[in-house]
């Protein structure tokens, strides 16, 4: 069956087809690194607050010590 005979072919816009063509070129991986501007902004960001740091440590600890699927520690 040719592409133009597929069900719904007439309901998809050329813009959607172009997006899909570009999107299918995406590969798995970490993606791009930070741009120079993003890296500079990260260096100028204020330090993380202690209570935020502790909250993340607590979440990580709960995640690694969880027993059973869906168990809330």
PDB file of N, CA and C in Angstrom:
ATOM      1  N   UNK A   1       0.859  -1.167   0.000  1.00  0.00           N
ATOM      2  CA  UNK A   1       0.000   0.000   0.000  1.00  0.00           C
ATOM      3  C   UNK A   1       0.906   1.231   0.000  1.00  0.00           C
ATOM      4  N   UNK A   2       0.678   2.145  -0.903  1.00  0.00           N
ATOM      5  CA  UNK A   2       1.498   3.350  -0.952  1.00  0.00           C
ATOM      6  C   UNK A   2       1.091   4.285   0.181  1.00  0.00           C
ATOM      7  N   UNK A   3       1.980   5.207   0.523  1.00  0.00           N
ATOM      8  CA  UNK A   3       1.758   6.124   1.638  1.00  0.00           C
ATOM      9  C   UNK A   3       0.479   6.921   1.487  1.00  0.00           C
ATOM     10  N   UNK A   4       0.218   7.410   0.283  1.00  0.00           N
ATOM     11  CA  UNK A   4      -0.968   8.244   0.095  1.00  0.00           C
ATOM     12  C   UNK A   4      -2.272   7.452   0.119  1.00  0.00           C
ATOM     13  N   UNK A   5      -2.191   6.135   0.230  1.00  0.00           N
ATOM     14  CA  UNK A   5      -3.395   5.311   0.323  1.00  0.00           C
ATOM     15  C   UNK A   5      -3.653   4.870   1.765  1.00  0.00           C
ATOM     16  N   UNK A   6      -2.771   5.226   2.680  1.00  0.00           N
ATOM     17  CA  UNK A   6      -2.959   4.832   4.072  1.00  0.00           C
ATOM     18  C   UNK A   6      -4.150   5.574   4.670  1.00  0.00           C
ATOM     19  N   UNK A   7      -4.899   4.913   5.565  1.00  0.00           N
ATOM     20  CA  UNK A   7      -6.048   5.577   6.191  1.00  0.00           C
ATOM     21  C   UNK A   7      -5.596   6.831   6.929  1.00  0.00           C
ATOM     22  N   UNK A   8      -6.314   7.928   6.759  1.00  0.00           N
ATOM     23  CA  UNK A   8      -6.012   9.175   7.444  1.00  0.00           C
ATOM     24  C   UNK A   8      -4.943  10.018   6.793  1.00  0.00           C
ATOM     25  N   UNK A   9      -4.391   9.597   5.666  1.00  0.00           N
ATOM     26  CA  UNK A   9      -3.325  10.353   5.005  1.00  0.00           C
ATOM     27  C   UNK A   9      -3.752  11.789   4.713  1.00  0.00           C
ATOM     28  N   UNK A  10      -5.003  11.949   4.307  1.00  0.00           N
ATOM     29  CA  UNK A  10      -5.499  13.280   3.951  1.00  0.00           C
ATOM     30  C   UNK A  10      -5.793  14.150   5.167  1.00  0.00           C
ATOM     31  N   UNK A  11      -5.655  13.629   6.369  1.00  0.00           N
ATOM     32  CA  UNK A  11      -5.951  14.388   7.586  1.00  0.00           C
ATOM     33  C   UNK A  11      -4.692  14.894   8.287  1.00  0.00           C
ATOM     34  N   UNK A  12      -3.527  14.626   7.746  1.00  0.00           N
ATOM     35  CA  UNK A  12      -2.265  15.049   8.350  1.00  0.00           C
ATOM     36  C   UNK A  12      -1.694  16.197   7.533  1.00  0.00           C
ATOM     37  N   UNK A  13      -1.329  17.282   8.219  1.00  0.00           N
ATOM     38  CA  UNK A  13      -0.813  18.456   7.508  1.00  0.00           C
ATOM     39  C   UNK A  13       0.644  18.241   7.105  1.00  0.00           C
ATOM     40  N   UNK A  14       1.073  19.017   6.139  1.00  0.00           N
ATOM     41  CA  UNK A  14       2.467  18.958   5.714  1.00  0.00           C
ATOM     42  C   UNK A  14       3.399  19.390   6.842  1.00  0.00           C
ATOM     43  N   UNK A  15       2.956  20.314   7.690  1.00  0.00           N
ATOM     44  CA  UNK A  15       3.761  20.747   8.829  1.00  0.00           C
ATOM     45  C   UNK A  15       3.986  19.582   9.791  1.00  0.00           C
ATOM     46  N   UNK A  16       2.944  18.796  10.022  1.00  0.00           N
ATOM     47  CA  UNK A  16       3.077  17.636  10.901  1.00  0.00           C
ATOM     48  C   UNK A  16       4.030  16.613  10.302  1.00  0.00           C
ATOM     49  N   UNK A  17       3.894  16.367   9.013  1.00  0.00           N
ATOM     50  CA  UNK A  17       4.802  15.417   8.361  1.00  0.00           C
ATOM     51  C   UNK A  17       6.255  15.883   8.456  1.00  0.00           C
ATOM     52  N   UNK A  18       6.493  17.189   8.273  1.00  0.00           N
ATOM     53  CA  UNK A  18       7.850  17.733   8.356  1.00  0.00           C
ATOM     54  C   UNK A  18       8.389  17.570   9.781  1.00  0.00           C
ATOM     55  N   UNK A  19       7.558  17.857  10.788  1.00  0.00           N
ATOM     56  CA  UNK A  19       7.976  17.677  12.175  1.00  0.00           C
ATOM     57  C   UNK A  19       8.325  16.217  12.441  1.00  0.00           C
ATOM     58  N   UNK A  20       7.498  15.311  11.977  1.00  0.00           N
ATOM     59  CA  UNK A  20       7.755  13.891  12.187  1.00  0.00           C
ATOM     60  C   UNK A  20       9.038  13.447  11.492  1.00  0.00           C
ATOM     61  N   UNK A  21       9.296  13.982  10.305  1.00  0.00           N
ATOM     62  CA  UNK A  21      10.518  13.640   9.591  1.00  0.00           C
ATOM     63  C   UNK A  21      11.751  14.075  10.384  1.00  0.00           C
ATOM     64  N   UNK A  22      11.707  15.277  10.936  1.00  0.00           N
ATOM     65  CA  UNK A  22      12.825  15.775  11.741  1.00  0.00           C
ATOM     66  C   UNK A  22      12.915  15.015  13.056  1.00  0.00           C
ATOM     67  N   UNK A  23      11.769  14.790  13.686  1.00  0.00           N
ATOM     68  CA  UNK A  23      11.730  14.141  14.993  1.00  0.00           C
ATOM     69  C   UNK A  23      12.263  12.716  14.955  1.00  0.00           C
ATOM     70  N   UNK A  24      12.064  12.017  13.857  1.00  0.00           N
ATOM     71  CA  UNK A  24      12.527  10.631  13.798  1.00  0.00           C
ATOM     72  C   UNK A  24      14.053  10.536  13.675  1.00  0.00           C
ATOM     73  N   UNK A  25      14.714  11.670  13.469  1.00  0.00           N
ATOM     74  CA  UNK A  25      16.171  11.683  13.398  1.00  0.00           C
ATOM     75  C   UNK A  25      16.805  11.741  14.785  1.00  0.00           C
ATOM     76  N   UNK A  26      16.006  11.996  15.818  1.00  0.00           N
ATOM     77  CA  UNK A  26      16.518  12.104  17.176  1.00  0.00           C
ATOM     78  C   UNK A  26      16.999  10.742  17.650  1.00  0.00           C
ATOM     79  N   UNK A  27      18.156  10.720  18.265  1.00  0.00           N
ATOM     80  CA  UNK A  27      18.702   9.460  18.760  1.00  0.00           C
ATOM     81  C   UNK A  27      18.732   9.463  20.282  1.00  0.00           C
ATOM     82  N   UNK A  28      18.852   8.301  20.844  1.00  0.00           N
ATOM     83  CA  UNK A  28      18.930   8.173  22.292  1.00  0.00           C
ATOM     84  C   UNK A  28      20.261   8.722  22.781  1.00  0.00           C
ATOM     85  N   UNK A  29      20.254   9.239  23.973  1.00  0.00           N
ATOM     86  CA  UNK A  29      21.490   9.746  24.549  1.00  0.00           C
ATOM     87  C   UNK A  29      21.216  10.911  25.475  1.00  0.00           C
ATOM     88  N   UNK A  30      22.278  11.456  25.993  1.00  0.00           N
ATOM     89  CA  UNK A  30      22.163  12.530  26.971  1.00  0.00           C
ATOM     90  C   UNK A  30      21.745  13.849  26.341  1.00  0.00           C
ATOM     91  N   UNK A  31      21.875  13.975  25.056  1.00  0.00           N
ATOM     92  CA  UNK A  31      21.514  15.231  24.410  1.00  0.00           C
ATOM     93  C   UNK A  31      22.683  16.190  24.404  1.00  0.00           C
ATOM     94  N   UNK A  32      22.401  17.391  23.997  1.00  0.00           N
ATOM     95  CA  UNK A  32      23.468  18.373  23.884  1.00  0.00           C
ATOM     96  C   UNK A  32      23.929  18.802  25.266  1.00  0.00           C
ATOM     97  N   UNK A  33      25.131  19.285  25.331  1.00  0.00           N
ATOM     98  CA  UNK A  33      25.642  19.853  26.572  1.00  0.00           C
ATOM     99  C   UNK A  33      25.166  21.286  26.705  1.00  0.00           C
ATOM    100  N   UNK A  34      25.529  21.935  27.795  1.00  0.00           N
ATOM    101  CA  UNK A  34      25.091  23.315  27.975  1.00  0.00           C
ATOM    102  C   UNK A  34      25.784  24.253  26.992  1.00  0.00           C
ATOM    103  N   UNK A  35      25.082  25.284  26.604  1.00  0.00           N
ATOM    104  CA  UNK A  35      25.692  26.319  25.770  1.00  0.00           C
ATOM    105  C   UNK A  35      26.627  27.138  26.666  1.00  0.00           C
ATOM    106  N   UNK A  36      27.533  27.908  26.091  1.00  0.00           N
ATOM    107  CA  UNK A  36      28.395  28.758  26.923  1.00  0.00           C
ATOM    108  C   UNK A  36      27.588  29.684  27.845  1.00  0.00           C
ATOM    109  N   UNK A  37      26.485  30.224  27.341  1.00  0.00           N
ATOM    110  CA  UNK A  37      25.652  31.099  28.170  1.00  0.00           C
ATOM    111  C   UNK A  37      25.021  30.331  29.334  1.00  0.00           C
ATOM    112  N   UNK A  38      24.565  29.107  29.068  1.00  0.00           N
ATOM    113  CA  UNK A  38      23.971  28.290  30.132  1.00  0.00           C
ATOM    114  C   UNK A  38      25.010  27.913  31.176  1.00  0.00           C
ATOM    115  N   UNK A  39      26.201  27.567  30.730  1.00  0.00           N
ATOM    116  CA  UNK A  39      27.275  27.207  31.668  1.00  0.00           C
ATOM    117  C   UNK A  39      27.650  28.400  32.533  1.00  0.00           C
ATOM    118  N   UNK A  40      27.732  29.581  31.936  1.00  0.00           N
ATOM    119  CA  UNK A  40      28.068  30.783  32.697  1.00  0.00           C
ATOM    120  C   UNK A  40      26.980  31.105  33.713  1.00  0.00           C
ATOM    121  N   UNK A  41      25.721  30.953  33.330  1.00  0.00           N
ATOM    122  CA  UNK A  41      24.609  31.217  34.248  1.00  0.00           C
ATOM    123  C   UNK A  41      24.633  30.241  35.415  1.00  0.00           C
ATOM    124  N   UNK A  42      24.980  28.988  35.162  1.00  0.00           N
ATOM    125  CA  UNK A  42      25.049  27.996  36.232  1.00  0.00           C
ATOM    126  C   UNK A  42      26.147  28.340  37.222  1.00  0.00           C
ATOM    127  N   UNK A  43      27.255  28.847  36.729  1.00  0.00           N
ATOM    128  CA  UNK A  43      28.357  29.227  37.604  1.00  0.00           C
ATOM    129  C   UNK A  43      27.990  30.417  38.479  1.00  0.00           C
ATOM    130  N   UNK A  44      27.093  31.270  38.020  1.00  0.00           N
ATOM    131  CA  UNK A  44      26.701  32.463  38.769  1.00  0.00           C
ATOM    132  C   UNK A  44      25.497  32.222  39.667  1.00  0.00           C
ATOM    133  N   UNK A  45      24.907  31.039  39.585  1.00  0.00           N
ATOM    134  CA  UNK A  45      23.724  30.733  40.392  1.00  0.00           C
ATOM    135  C   UNK A  45      24.112  30.663  41.869  1.00  0.00           C
ATOM    136  N   UNK A  46      23.204  31.058  42.739  1.00  0.00           N
ATOM    137  CA  UNK A  46      23.508  30.985  44.172  1.00  0.00           C
ATOM    138  C   UNK A  46      23.629  29.529  44.609  1.00  0.00           C
ATOM    139  N   UNK A  47      24.345  29.275  45.701  1.00  0.00           N
ATOM    140  CA  UNK A  47      24.478  27.897  46.175  1.00  0.00           C
ATOM    141  C   UNK A  47      23.122  27.335  46.626  1.00  0.00           C
ATOM    142  N   UNK A  48      23.031  26.027  46.638  1.00  0.00           N
ATOM    143  CA  UNK A  48      21.802  25.355  47.048  1.00  0.00           C
ATOM    144  C   UNK A  48      21.662  25.489  48.564  1.00  0.00           C
ATOM    145  N   UNK A  49      20.461  25.792  49.013  1.00  0.00           N
ATOM    146  CA  UNK A  49      20.196  25.936  50.448  1.00  0.00           C
ATOM    147  C   UNK A  49      20.366  24.598  51.157  1.00  0.00           C
ATOM    148  N   UNK A  50      20.793  24.656  52.417  1.00  0.00           N
ATOM    149  CA  UNK A  50      21.011  23.430  53.186  1.00  0.00           C
ATOM    150  C   UNK A  50      19.743  22.585  53.298  1.00  0.00           C
ATOM    151  N   UNK A  51      18.589  23.229  53.515  1.00  0.00           N
ATOM    152  CA  UNK A  51      17.352  22.441  53.650  1.00  0.00           C
ATOM    153  C   UNK A  51      16.989  21.752  52.330  1.00  0.00           C
ATOM    154  N   UNK A  52      17.313  22.361  51.199  1.00  0.00           N
ATOM    155  CA  UNK A  52      17.080  21.725  49.903  1.00  0.00           C
ATOM    156  C   UNK A  52      18.012  20.533  49.727  1.00  0.00           C
ATOM    157  N   UNK A  53      19.269  20.704  50.075  1.00  0.00           N
ATOM    158  CA  UNK A  53      20.251  19.631  49.983  1.00  0.00           C
ATOM    159  C   UNK A  53      19.829  18.436  50.846  1.00  0.00           C
ATOM    160  N   UNK A  54      19.363  18.718  52.057  1.00  0.00           N
ATOM    161  CA  UNK A  54      18.919  17.647  52.953  1.00  0.00           C
ATOM    162  C   UNK A  54      17.668  16.947  52.410  1.00  0.00           C
ATOM    163  N   UNK A  55      16.767  17.696  51.810  1.00  0.00           N
ATOM    164  CA  UNK A  55      15.554  17.091  51.247  1.00  0.00           C
ATOM    165  C   UNK A  55      15.916  16.128  50.129  1.00  0.00           C
ATOM    166  N   UNK A  56      16.878  16.509  49.278  1.00  0.00           N
ATOM    167  CA  UNK A  56      17.305  15.618  48.201  1.00  0.00           C
ATOM    168  C   UNK A  56      17.991  14.376  48.766  1.00  0.00           C
ATOM    169  N   UNK A  57      18.835  14.548  49.771  1.00  0.00           N
ATOM    170  CA  UNK A  57      19.485  13.390  50.398  1.00  0.00           C
ATOM    171  C   UNK A  57      18.435  12.437  50.970  1.00  0.00           C
ATOM    172  N   UNK A  58      17.405  13.002  51.609  1.00  0.00           N
ATOM    173  CA  UNK A  58      16.340  12.189  52.192  1.00  0.00           C
ATOM    174  C   UNK A  58      15.588  11.420  51.104  1.00  0.00           C
ATOM    175  N   UNK A  59      15.283  12.089  49.988  1.00  0.00           N
ATOM    176  CA  UNK A  59      14.582  11.403  48.892  1.00  0.00           C
ATOM    177  C   UNK A  59      15.424  10.269  48.320  1.00  0.00           C
ATOM    178  N   UNK A  60      16.710  10.530  48.129  1.00  0.00           N
ATOM    179  CA  UNK A  60      17.598   9.493  47.588  1.00  0.00           C
ATOM    180  C   UNK A  60      17.677   8.320  48.555  1.00  0.00           C
ATOM    181  N   UNK A  61      17.829   8.601  49.834  1.00  0.00           N
ATOM    182  CA  UNK A  61      17.927   7.532  50.831  1.00  0.00           C
ATOM    183  C   UNK A  61      16.652   6.692  50.840  1.00  0.00           C
ATOM    184  N   UNK A  62      15.504   7.346  50.802  1.00  0.00           N
ATOM    185  CA  UNK A  62      14.241   6.599  50.783  1.00  0.00           C
ATOM    186  C   UNK A  62      14.142   5.739  49.530  1.00  0.00           C
ATOM    187  N   UNK A  63      14.622   6.257  48.423  1.00  0.00           N
ATOM    188  CA  UNK A  63      14.564   5.492  47.190  1.00  0.00           C
ATOM    189  C   UNK A  63      15.453   4.266  47.199  1.00  0.00           C
ATOM    190  N   UNK A  64      16.664   4.397  47.761  1.00  0.00           N
ATOM    191  CA  UNK A  64      17.585   3.249  47.730  1.00  0.00           C
ATOM    192  C   UNK A  64      17.293   2.237  48.811  1.00  0.00           C
ATOM    193  N   UNK A  65      16.561   2.631  49.857  1.00  0.00           N
ATOM    194  CA  UNK A  65      16.265   1.672  50.922  1.00  0.00           C
ATOM    195  C   UNK A  65      14.835   1.143  50.856  1.00  0.00           C
ATOM    196  N   UNK A  66      14.090   1.507  49.824  1.00  0.00           N
ATOM    197  CA  UNK A  66      12.709   1.074  49.680  1.00  0.00           C
ATOM    198  C   UNK A  66      12.675  -0.437  49.497  1.00  0.00           C
ATOM    199  N   UNK A  67      11.691  -1.062  50.141  1.00  0.00           N
ATOM    200  CA  UNK A  67      11.522  -2.504  50.011  1.00  0.00           C
ATOM    201  C   UNK A  67      10.131  -2.754  49.425  1.00  0.00           C
ATOM    202  N   UNK A  68      10.073  -3.495  48.353  1.00  0.00           N
ATOM    203  CA  UNK A  68       8.802  -3.810  47.720  1.00  0.00           C
ATOM    204  C   UNK A  68       8.344  -2.710  46.782  1.00  0.00           C
ATOM    205  N   UNK A  69       7.571  -3.079  45.810  1.00  0.00           N
ATOM    206  CA  UNK A  69       7.102  -2.119  44.809  1.00  0.00           C
ATOM    207  C   UNK A  69       6.090  -1.166  45.419  1.00  0.00           C
ATOM    208  N   UNK A  70       6.335   0.111  45.286  1.00  0.00           N
ATOM    209  CA  UNK A  70       5.394   1.110  45.734  1.00  0.00           C
ATOM    210  C   UNK A  70       5.392   1.381  47.224  1.00  0.00           C
ATOM    211  N   UNK A  71       6.304   0.782  47.963  1.00  0.00           N
ATOM    212  CA  UNK A  71       6.330   0.991  49.410  1.00  0.00           C
ATOM    213  C   UNK A  71       6.794   2.405  49.717  1.00  0.00           C
ATOM    214  N   UNK A  72       6.082   3.040  50.633  1.00  0.00           N
ATOM    215  CA  UNK A  72       6.465   4.381  51.060  1.00  0.00           C
ATOM    216  C   UNK A  72       7.163   4.245  52.401  1.00  0.00           C
ATOM    217  N   UNK A  73       8.384   4.733  52.456  1.00  0.00           N
ATOM    218  CA  UNK A  73       9.163   4.607  53.701  1.00  0.00           C
ATOM    219  C   UNK A  73       8.757   5.642  54.694  1.00  0.00           C
TER     220      UNK A  73
END
